[in-house]
Amino acid sequence: PGIGYVRVTSFEKETGEQLRAAIEELGGNQLKGLVLDLRNNPGGVLPAALDVCSMLLAPDTKILSVRGRSKEQEEIRVPKEAKPYTFGVTV
């Protein structure tokens, strides 16, 4: 009781909204924990994955960095105004 389970099969445009709806249906911040099942998830669109991270990680946490030969290094962080869930997460 109190532990939610959600399977994310890919990261599509609507994934962030769908995950938030699923978490809220399971109890939202009243959950003790969440199992986020990403098995066999081939990936998808980056903004959807960033939305998911923003729901689960503390504000200003570095999510990823990008660098290349012809591009300066860029860091992407959880927005400072994000209000993530506070329960534990197992992936």
PDB file of N, CA and C in Angstrom:
ATOM      1  N   PRO A   1       0.824  -1.209   0.000  1.00  0.00           N
ATOM      2  CA  PRO A   1       0.000   0.000   0.000  1.00  0.00           C
ATOM      3  C   PRO A   1       0.863   1.266   0.000  1.00  0.00           C
ATOM      4  N   GLY A   2       0.455   2.244  -0.779  1.00  0.00           N
ATOM      5  CA  GLY A   2       1.171   3.514  -0.825  1.00  0.00           C
ATOM      6  C   GLY A   2       2.293   3.575  -1.824  1.00  0.00           C
ATOM      7  N   ILE A   3       2.574   2.464  -2.506  1.00  0.00           N
ATOM      8  CA  ILE A   3       3.629   2.434  -3.522  1.00  0.00           C
ATOM      9  C   ILE A   3       2.960   2.343  -4.895  1.00  0.00           C
ATOM     10  N   GLY A   4       3.244   3.306  -5.766  1.00  0.00           N
ATOM     11  CA  GLY A   4       2.669   3.321  -7.104  1.00  0.00           C
ATOM     12  C   GLY A   4       3.590   2.657  -8.103  1.00  0.00           C
ATOM     13  N   TYR A   5       3.009   2.208  -9.200  1.00  0.00           N
ATOM     14  CA  TYR A   5       3.768   1.592 -10.289  1.00  0.00           C
ATOM     15  C   TYR A   5       3.280   2.208 -11.592  1.00  0.00           C
ATOM     16  N   VAL A   6       4.222   2.723 -12.395  1.00  0.00           N
ATOM     17  CA  VAL A   6       3.884   3.281 -13.702  1.00  0.00           C
ATOM     18  C   VAL A   6       4.923   2.798 -14.696  1.00  0.00           C
ATOM     19  N   ARG A   7       4.448   2.334 -15.838  1.00  0.00           N
ATOM     20  CA  ARG A   7       5.338   1.914 -16.920  1.00  0.00           C
ATOM     21  C   ARG A   7       5.325   2.978 -18.001  1.00  0.00           C
ATOM     22  N   VAL A   8       6.499   3.424 -18.405  1.00  0.00           N
ATOM     23  CA  VAL A   8       6.646   4.398 -19.487  1.00  0.00           C
ATOM     24  C   VAL A   8       7.326   3.670 -20.639  1.00  0.00           C
ATOM     25  N   THR A   9       6.577   3.434 -21.705  1.00  0.00           N
ATOM     26  CA  THR A   9       7.092   2.638 -22.816  1.00  0.00           C
ATOM     27  C   THR A   9       7.896   3.456 -23.820  1.00  0.00           C
ATOM     28  N   SER A  10       7.714   4.776 -23.839  1.00  0.00           N
ATOM     29  CA  SER A  10       8.506   5.658 -24.693  1.00  0.00           C
ATOM     30  C   SER A  10       8.277   7.093 -24.238  1.00  0.00           C
ATOM     31  N   PHE A  11       9.113   7.982 -24.681  1.00  0.00           N
ATOM     32  CA  PHE A  11       8.980   9.390 -24.343  1.00  0.00           C
ATOM     33  C   PHE A  11       8.439  10.127 -25.558  1.00  0.00           C
ATOM     34  N   GLU A  12       7.143  10.366 -25.545  1.00  0.00           N
ATOM     35  CA  GLU A  12       6.457  11.085 -26.614  1.00  0.00           C
ATOM     36  C   GLU A  12       6.021  12.447 -26.090  1.00  0.00           C
ATOM     37  N   LYS A  13       5.496  13.276 -26.953  1.00  0.00           N
ATOM     38  CA  LYS A  13       5.099  14.633 -26.598  1.00  0.00           C
ATOM     39  C   LYS A  13       4.210  14.676 -25.351  1.00  0.00           C
ATOM     40  N   GLU A  14       3.301  13.729 -25.205  1.00  0.00           N
ATOM     41  CA  GLU A  14       2.324  13.739 -24.117  1.00  0.00           C
ATOM     42  C   GLU A  14       2.779  12.987 -22.859  1.00  0.00           C
ATOM     43  N   THR A  15       3.952  12.412 -22.874  1.00  0.00           N
ATOM     44  CA  THR A  15       4.387  11.547 -21.771  1.00  0.00           C
ATOM     45  C   THR A  15       4.375  12.252 -20.427  1.00  0.00           C
ATOM     46  N   GLY A  16       4.852  13.476 -20.356  1.00  0.00           N
ATOM     47  CA  GLY A  16       4.877  14.206 -19.093  1.00  0.00           C
ATOM     48  C   GLY A  16       3.483  14.385 -18.511  1.00  0.00           C
ATOM     49  N   GLU A  17       2.547  14.812 -19.336  1.00  0.00           N
ATOM     50  CA  GLU A  17       1.169  14.998 -18.875  1.00  0.00           C
ATOM     51  C   GLU A  17       0.548  13.671 -18.462  1.00  0.00           C
ATOM     52  N   GLN A  18       0.807  12.629 -19.238  1.00  0.00           N
ATOM     53  CA  GLN A  18       0.248  11.312 -18.925  1.00  0.00           C
ATOM     54  C   GLN A  18       0.819  10.763 -17.625  1.00  0.00           C
ATOM     55  N   LEU A  19       2.115  10.954 -17.404  1.00  0.00           N
ATOM     56  CA  LEU A  19       2.728  10.480 -16.171  1.00  0.00           C
ATOM     57  C   LEU A  19       2.168  11.233 -14.969  1.00  0.00           C
ATOM     58  N   ARG A  20       2.042  12.546 -15.080  1.00  0.00           N
ATOM     59  CA  ARG A  20       1.490  13.325 -13.969  1.00  0.00           C
ATOM     60  C   ARG A  20       0.063  12.868 -13.664  1.00  0.00           C
ATOM     61  N   ALA A  21      -0.754  12.634 -14.691  1.00  0.00           N
ATOM     62  CA  ALA A  21      -2.129  12.167 -14.482  1.00  0.00           C
ATOM     63  C   ALA A  21      -2.132  10.808 -13.789  1.00  0.00           C
ATOM     64  N   ALA A  22      -1.234   9.921 -14.207  1.00  0.00           N
ATOM     65  CA  ALA A  22      -1.157   8.585 -13.600  1.00  0.00           C
ATOM     66  C   ALA A  22      -0.746   8.678 -12.132  1.00  0.00           C
ATOM     67  N   ILE A  23       0.229   9.529 -11.837  1.00  0.00           N
ATOM     68  CA  ILE A  23       0.687   9.698 -10.455  1.00  0.00           C
ATOM     69  C   ILE A  23      -0.437  10.277  -9.600  1.00  0.00           C
ATOM     70  N   GLU A  24      -1.142  11.256 -10.115  1.00  0.00           N
ATOM     71  CA  GLU A  24      -2.245  11.854  -9.358  1.00  0.00           C
ATOM     72  C   GLU A  24      -3.349  10.831  -9.106  1.00  0.00           C
ATOM     73  N   GLU A  25      -3.619   9.995 -10.088  1.00  0.00           N
ATOM     74  CA  GLU A  25      -4.638   8.954  -9.922  1.00  0.00           C
ATOM     75  C   GLU A  25      -4.233   7.951  -8.836  1.00  0.00           C
ATOM     76  N   LEU A  26      -2.931   7.736  -8.698  1.00  0.00           N
ATOM     77  CA  LEU A  26      -2.424   6.800  -7.693  1.00  0.00           C
ATOM     78  C   LEU A  26      -2.355   7.412  -6.293  1.00  0.00           C
ATOM     79  N   GLY A  27      -2.462   8.730  -6.204  1.00  0.00           N
ATOM     80  CA  GLY A  27      -2.430   9.366  -4.887  1.00  0.00           C
ATOM     81  C   GLY A  27      -1.570  10.608  -4.811  1.00  0.00           C
ATOM     82  N   GLY A  28      -0.859  10.949  -5.868  1.00  0.00           N
ATOM     83  CA  GLY A  28      -0.043  12.163  -5.876  1.00  0.00           C
ATOM     84  C   GLY A  28       0.990  12.173  -4.771  1.00  0.00           C
ATOM     85  N   ASN A  29       1.093  13.291  -4.077  1.00  0.00           N
ATOM     86  CA  ASN A  29       2.087  13.441  -3.010  1.00  0.00           C
ATOM     87  C   ASN A  29       1.804  12.571  -1.798  1.00  0.00           C
ATOM     88  N   GLN A  30       0.654  11.921  -1.769  1.00  0.00           N
ATOM     89  CA  GLN A  30       0.347  11.015  -0.656  1.00  0.00           C
ATOM     90  C   GLN A  30       1.052   9.661  -0.810  1.00  0.00           C
ATOM     91  N   LEU A  31       1.610   9.399  -2.002  1.00  0.00           N
ATOM     92  CA  LEU A  31       2.343   8.147  -2.219  1.00  0.00           C
ATOM     93  C   LEU A  31       3.577   8.100  -1.324  1.00  0.00           C
ATOM     94  N   LYS A  32       3.932   6.895  -0.906  1.00  0.00           N
ATOM     95  CA  LYS A  32       5.175   6.689  -0.163  1.00  0.00           C
ATOM     96  C   LYS A  32       6.344   6.506  -1.125  1.00  0.00           C
ATOM     97  N   GLY A  33       6.037   5.996  -2.326  1.00  0.00           N
ATOM     98  CA  GLY A  33       7.074   5.757  -3.307  1.00  0.00           C
ATOM     99  C   GLY A  33       6.475   5.421  -4.646  1.00  0.00           C
ATOM    100  N   LEU A  34       7.325   5.399  -5.665  1.00  0.00           N
ATOM    101  CA  LEU A  34       6.897   5.108  -7.030  1.00  0.00           C
ATOM    102  C   LEU A  34       7.924   4.211  -7.697  1.00  0.00           C
ATOM    103  N   VAL A  35       7.447   3.184  -8.377  1.00  0.00           N
ATOM    104  CA  VAL A  35       8.299   2.364  -9.231  1.00  0.00           C
ATOM    105  C   VAL A  35       8.039   2.850 -10.653  1.00  0.00           C
ATOM    106  N   LEU A  36       9.061   3.388 -11.290  1.00  0.00           N
ATOM    107  CA  LEU A  36       8.969   3.879 -12.660  1.00  0.00           C
ATOM    108  C   LEU A  36       9.648   2.853 -13.554  1.00  0.00           C
ATOM    109  N   ASP A  37       8.845   2.118 -14.300  1.00  0.00           N
ATOM    110  CA  ASP A  37       9.337   1.015 -15.127  1.00  0.00           C
ATOM    111  C   ASP A  37       9.682   1.535 -16.518  1.00  0.00           C
ATOM    112  N   LEU A  38      10.969   1.539 -16.847  1.00  0.00           N
ATOM    113  CA  LEU A  38      11.444   1.991 -18.160  1.00  0.00           C
ATOM    114  C   LEU A  38      11.999   0.835 -18.992  1.00  0.00           C
ATOM    115  N   ARG A  39      11.730  -0.397 -18.573  1.00  0.00           N
ATOM    116  CA  ARG A  39      12.251  -1.533 -19.329  1.00  0.00           C
ATOM    117  C   ARG A  39      11.750  -1.487 -20.762  1.00  0.00           C
ATOM    118  N   ASN A  40      12.643  -1.776 -21.694  1.00  0.00           N
ATOM    119  CA  ASN A  40      12.366  -1.805 -23.127  1.00  0.00           C
ATOM    120  C   ASN A  40      11.908  -0.462 -23.682  1.00  0.00           C
ATOM    121  N   ASN A  41      12.161   0.618 -22.964  1.00  0.00           N
ATOM    122  CA  ASN A  41      11.825   1.955 -23.449  1.00  0.00           C
ATOM    123  C   ASN A  41      12.938   2.382 -24.400  1.00  0.00           C
ATOM    124  N   PRO A  42      12.629   2.597 -25.688  1.00  0.00           N
ATOM    125  CA  PRO A  42      13.675   2.938 -26.645  1.00  0.00           C
ATOM    126  C   PRO A  42      14.077   4.407 -26.614  1.00  0.00           C
ATOM    127  N   GLY A  43      13.433   5.220 -25.790  1.00  0.00           N
ATOM    128  CA  GLY A  43      13.736   6.652 -25.758  1.00  0.00           C
ATOM    129  C   GLY A  43      12.607   7.429 -26.406  1.00  0.00           C
ATOM    130  N   GLY A  44      12.956   8.489 -27.100  1.00  0.00           N
ATOM    131  CA  GLY A  44      11.938   9.307 -27.749  1.00  0.00           C
ATOM    132  C   GLY A  44      12.381  10.748 -27.810  1.00  0.00           C
ATOM    133  N   VAL A  45      11.436  11.653 -27.602  1.00  0.00           N
ATOM    134  CA  VAL A  45      11.743  13.076 -27.712  1.00  0.00           C
ATOM    135  C   VAL A  45      12.298  13.603 -26.390  1.00  0.00           C
ATOM    136  N   LEU A  46      13.371  14.354 -26.480  1.00  0.00           N
ATOM    137  CA  LEU A  46      14.061  14.854 -25.293  1.00  0.00           C
ATOM    138  C   LEU A  46      13.178  15.718 -24.395  1.00  0.00           C
ATOM    139  N   PRO A  47      12.383  16.649 -24.926  1.00  0.00           N
ATOM    140  CA  PRO A  47      11.551  17.464 -24.019  1.00  0.00           C
ATOM    141  C   PRO A  47      10.627  16.633 -23.122  1.00  0.00           C
ATOM    142  N   ALA A  48      10.141  15.508 -23.600  1.00  0.00           N
ATOM    143  CA  ALA A  48       9.283  14.648 -22.772  1.00  0.00           C
ATOM    144  C   ALA A  48      10.082  14.057 -21.620  1.00  0.00           C
ATOM    145  N   ALA A  49      11.289  13.612 -21.880  1.00  0.00           N
ATOM    146  CA  ALA A  49      12.136  13.068 -20.822  1.00  0.00           C
ATOM    147  C   ALA A  49      12.490  14.156 -19.810  1.00  0.00           C
ATOM    148  N   LEU A  50      12.704  15.375 -20.271  1.00  0.00           N
ATOM    149  CA  LEU A  50      13.006  16.481 -19.366  1.00  0.00           C
ATOM    150  C   LEU A  50      11.805  16.818 -18.488  1.00  0.00           C
ATOM    151  N   ASP A  51      10.592  16.735 -19.052  1.00  0.00           N
ATOM    152  CA  ASP A  51       9.373  16.942 -18.256  1.00  0.00           C
ATOM    153  C   ASP A  51       9.293  15.931 -17.120  1.00  0.00           C
ATOM    154  N   VAL A  52       9.586  14.675 -17.438  1.00  0.00           N
ATOM    155  CA  VAL A  52       9.547  13.621 -16.422  1.00  0.00           C
ATOM    156  C   VAL A  52      10.577  13.906 -15.339  1.00  0.00           C
ATOM    157  N   CYS A  53      11.775  14.292 -15.731  1.00  0.00           N
ATOM    158  CA  CYS A  53      12.818  14.618 -14.752  1.00  0.00           C
ATOM    159  C   CYS A  53      12.380  15.759 -13.845  1.00  0.00           C
ATOM    160  N   SER A  54      11.705  16.747 -14.405  1.00  0.00           N
ATOM    161  CA  SER A  54      11.267  17.902 -13.628  1.00  0.00           C
ATOM    162  C   SER A  54      10.225  17.531 -12.578  1.00  0.00           C
ATOM    163  N   MET A  55       9.535  16.418 -12.782  1.00  0.00           N
ATOM    164  CA  MET A  55       8.551  15.964 -11.800  1.00  0.00           C
ATOM    165  C   MET A  55       9.196  15.202 -10.648  1.00  0.00           C
ATOM    166  N   LEU A  56      10.418  14.708 -10.868  1.00  0.00           N
ATOM    167  CA  LEU A  56      11.007  13.780  -9.918  1.00  0.00           C
ATOM    168  C   LEU A  56      12.312  14.260  -9.279  1.00  0.00           C
ATOM    169  N   LEU A  57      12.938  15.273  -9.850  1.00  0.00           N
ATOM    170  CA  LEU A  57      14.221  15.759  -9.341  1.00  0.00           C
ATOM    171  C   LEU A  57      14.074  17.143  -8.726  1.00  0.00           C
ATOM    172  N   ALA A  58      14.954  17.464  -7.803  1.00  0.00           N
ATOM    173  CA  ALA A  58      14.925  18.759  -7.127  1.00  0.00           C
ATOM    174  C   ALA A  58      15.216  19.892  -8.110  1.00  0.00           C
ATOM    175  N   PRO A  59      14.627  21.065  -7.883  1.00  0.00           N
ATOM    176  CA  PRO A  59      14.905  22.215  -8.747  1.00  0.00           C
ATOM    177  C   PRO A  59      16.400  22.499  -8.838  1.00  0.00           C
ATOM    178  N   ASP A  60      16.820  22.901 -10.024  1.00  0.00           N
ATOM    179  CA  ASP A  60      18.196  23.267 -10.368  1.00  0.00           C
ATOM    180  C   ASP A  60      19.153  22.078 -10.408  1.00  0.00           C
ATOM    181  N   THR A  61      18.637  20.847 -10.375  1.00  0.00           N
ATOM    182  CA  THR A  61      19.480  19.669 -10.533  1.00  0.00           C
ATOM    183  C   THR A  61      19.891  19.546 -12.001  1.00  0.00           C
ATOM    184  N   LYS A  62      21.170  19.283 -12.238  1.00  0.00           N
ATOM    185  CA  LYS A  62      21.628  19.099 -13.616  1.00  0.00           C
ATOM    186  C   LYS A  62      21.093  17.784 -14.144  1.00  0.00           C
ATOM    187  N   ILE A  63      20.411  17.844 -15.298  1.00  0.00           N
ATOM    188  CA  ILE A  63      19.858  16.646 -15.918  1.00  0.00           C
ATOM    189  C   ILE A  63      20.833  16.090 -16.943  1.00  0.00           C
ATOM    190  N   LEU A  64      21.374  16.969 -17.775  1.00  0.00           N
ATOM    191  CA  LEU A  64      22.322  16.515 -18.783  1.00  0.00           C
ATOM    192  C   LEU A  64      23.175  17.666 -19.259  1.00  0.00           C
ATOM    193  N   SER A  65      24.257  17.308 -19.923  1.00  0.00           N
ATOM    194  CA  SER A  65      25.092  18.321 -20.569  1.00  0.00           C
ATOM    195  C   SER A  65      25.388  17.848 -21.977  1.00  0.00           C
ATOM    196  N   VAL A  66      25.528  18.814 -22.857  1.00  0.00           N
ATOM    197  CA  VAL A  66      25.766  18.532 -24.264  1.00  0.00           C
ATOM    198  C   VAL A  66      27.009  19.307 -24.675  1.00  0.00           C
ATOM    199  N   ARG A  67      27.882  18.645 -25.412  1.00  0.00           N
ATOM    200  CA  ARG A  67      29.037  19.348 -25.956  1.00  0.00           C
ATOM    201  C   ARG A  67      29.410  18.701 -27.277  1.00  0.00           C
ATOM    202  N   GLY A  68      30.010  19.486 -28.110  1.00  0.00           N
ATOM    203  CA  GLY A  68      30.429  18.987 -29.410  1.00  0.00           C
ATOM    204  C   GLY A  68      31.605  19.796 -29.907  1.00  0.00           C
ATOM    205  N   ARG A  69      32.121  19.400 -31.034  1.00  0.00           N
ATOM    206  CA  ARG A  69      33.285  20.104 -31.579  1.00  0.00           C
ATOM    207  C   ARG A  69      32.951  21.527 -31.991  1.00  0.00           C
ATOM    208  N   SER A  70      31.761  21.712 -32.548  1.00  0.00           N
ATOM    209  CA  SER A  70      31.417  23.039 -33.052  1.00  0.00           C
ATOM    210  C   SER A  70      30.388  23.750 -32.169  1.00  0.00           C
ATOM    211  N   LYS A  71      30.196  23.255 -30.955  1.00  0.00           N
ATOM    212  CA  LYS A  71      29.198  23.846 -30.066  1.00  0.00           C
ATOM    213  C   LYS A  71      29.770  23.922 -28.660  1.00  0.00           C
ATOM    214  N   GLU A  72      29.503  25.045 -27.997  1.00  0.00           N
ATOM    215  CA  GLU A  72      29.942  25.166 -26.619  1.00  0.00           C
ATOM    216  C   GLU A  72      29.111  24.238 -25.744  1.00  0.00           C
ATOM    217  N   GLN A  73      29.684  23.857 -24.608  1.00  0.00           N
ATOM    218  CA  GLN A  73      28.976  22.965 -23.693  1.00  0.00           C
ATOM    219  C   GLN A  73      27.714  23.643 -23.179  1.00  0.00           C
ATOM    220  N   GLU A  74      26.634  22.877 -23.126  1.00  0.00           N
ATOM    221  CA  GLU A  74      25.353  23.369 -22.641  1.00  0.00           C
ATOM    222  C   GLU A  74      24.860  22.424 -21.553  1.00  0.00           C
ATOM    223  N   GLU A  75      24.394  22.990 -20.455  1.00  0.00           N
ATOM    224  CA  GLU A  75      23.820  22.196 -19.376  1.00  0.00           C
ATOM    225  C   GLU A  75      22.318  22.422 -19.338  1.00  0.00           C
ATOM    226  N   ILE A  76      21.577  21.352 -19.126  1.00  0.00           N
ATOM    227  CA  ILE A  76      20.133  21.463 -18.955  1.00  0.00           C
ATOM    228  C   ILE A  76      19.831  21.039 -17.529  1.00  0.00           C
ATOM    229  N   ARG A  77      19.112  21.908 -16.820  1.00  0.00           N
ATOM    230  CA  ARG A  77      18.795  21.690 -15.410  1.00  0.00           C
ATOM    231  C   ARG A  77      17.287  21.698 -15.208  1.00  0.00           C
ATOM    232  N   VAL A  78      16.877  21.120 -14.094  1.00  0.00           N
ATOM    233  CA  VAL A  78      15.472  21.200 -13.708  1.00  0.00           C
ATOM    234  C   VAL A  78      15.174  22.674 -13.454  1.00  0.00           C
ATOM    235  N   PRO A  79      14.065  23.187 -14.006  1.00  0.00           N
ATOM    236  CA  PRO A  79      13.746  24.601 -13.762  1.00  0.00           C
ATOM    237  C   PRO A  79      13.656  24.919 -12.265  1.00  0.00           C
ATOM    238  N   LYS A  80      14.127  26.110 -11.892  1.00  0.00           N
ATOM    239  CA  LYS A  80      14.127  26.505 -10.479  1.00  0.00           C
ATOM    240  C   LYS A  80      12.718  26.606  -9.913  1.00  0.00           C
ATOM    241  N   GLU A  81      11.726  26.843 -10.776  1.00  0.00           N
ATOM    242  CA  GLU A  81      10.345  26.968 -10.297  1.00  0.00           C
ATOM    243  C   GLU A  81       9.598  25.632 -10.280  1.00  0.00           C
ATOM    244  N   ALA A  82      10.273  24.540 -10.619  1.00  0.00           N
ATOM    245  CA  ALA A  82       9.633  23.215 -10.634  1.00  0.00           C
ATOM    246  C   ALA A  82       9.197  22.815  -9.225  1.00  0.00           C
ATOM    247  N   LYS A  83       8.084  22.100  -9.162  1.00  0.00           N
ATOM    248  CA  LYS A  83       7.570  21.588  -7.885  1.00  0.00           C
ATOM    249  C   LYS A  83       7.478  20.061  -7.993  1.00  0.00           C
ATOM    250  N   PRO A  84       8.601  19.386  -7.772  1.00  0.00           N
ATOM    251  CA  PRO A  84       8.613  17.929  -7.950  1.00  0.00           C
ATOM    252  C   PRO A  84       7.879  17.203  -6.827  1.00  0.00           C
ATOM    253  N   TYR A  85       7.505  15.979  -7.127  1.00  0.00           N
ATOM    254  CA  TYR A  85       6.957  15.106  -6.088  1.00  0.00           C
ATOM    255  C   TYR A  85       8.072  14.798  -5.101  1.00  0.00           C
ATOM    256  N   THR A  86       7.702  14.508  -3.857  1.00  0.00           N
ATOM    257  CA  THR A  86       8.715  14.320  -2.815  1.00  0.00           C
ATOM    258  C   THR A  86       8.887  12.865  -2.388  1.00  0.00           C
ATOM    259  N   PHE A  87       8.119  11.953  -2.956  1.00  0.00           N
ATOM    260  CA  PHE A  87       8.259  10.539  -2.586  1.00  0.00           C
ATOM    261  C   PHE A  87       9.505   9.940  -3.235  1.00  0.00           C
ATOM    262  N   GLY A  88       9.944   8.807  -2.713  1.00  0.00           N
ATOM    263  CA  GLY A  88      11.069   8.089  -3.280  1.00  0.00           C
ATOM    264  C   GLY A  88      10.694   7.459  -4.616  1.00  0.00           C
ATOM    265  N   VAL A  89      11.672   7.322  -5.488  1.00  0.00           N
ATOM    266  CA  VAL A  89      11.445   6.741  -6.816  1.00  0.00           C
ATOM    267  C   VAL A  89      12.476   5.653  -7.069  1.00  0.00           C
ATOM    268  N   THR A  90      12.005   4.530  -7.579  1.00  0.00           N
ATOM    269  CA  THR A  90      12.881   3.466  -8.038  1.00  0.00           C
ATOM    270  C   THR A  90      12.649   3.292  -9.525  1.00  0.00           C
ATOM    271  N   VAL A  91      13.726   3.276 -10.297  1.00  0.00           N
ATOM    272  CA  VAL A  91      13.616   3.126 -11.749  1.00  0.00           C
ATOM    273  C   VAL A  91      14.116   1.761 -12.123  1.00  0.00           C
TER     274      VAL A  91
END
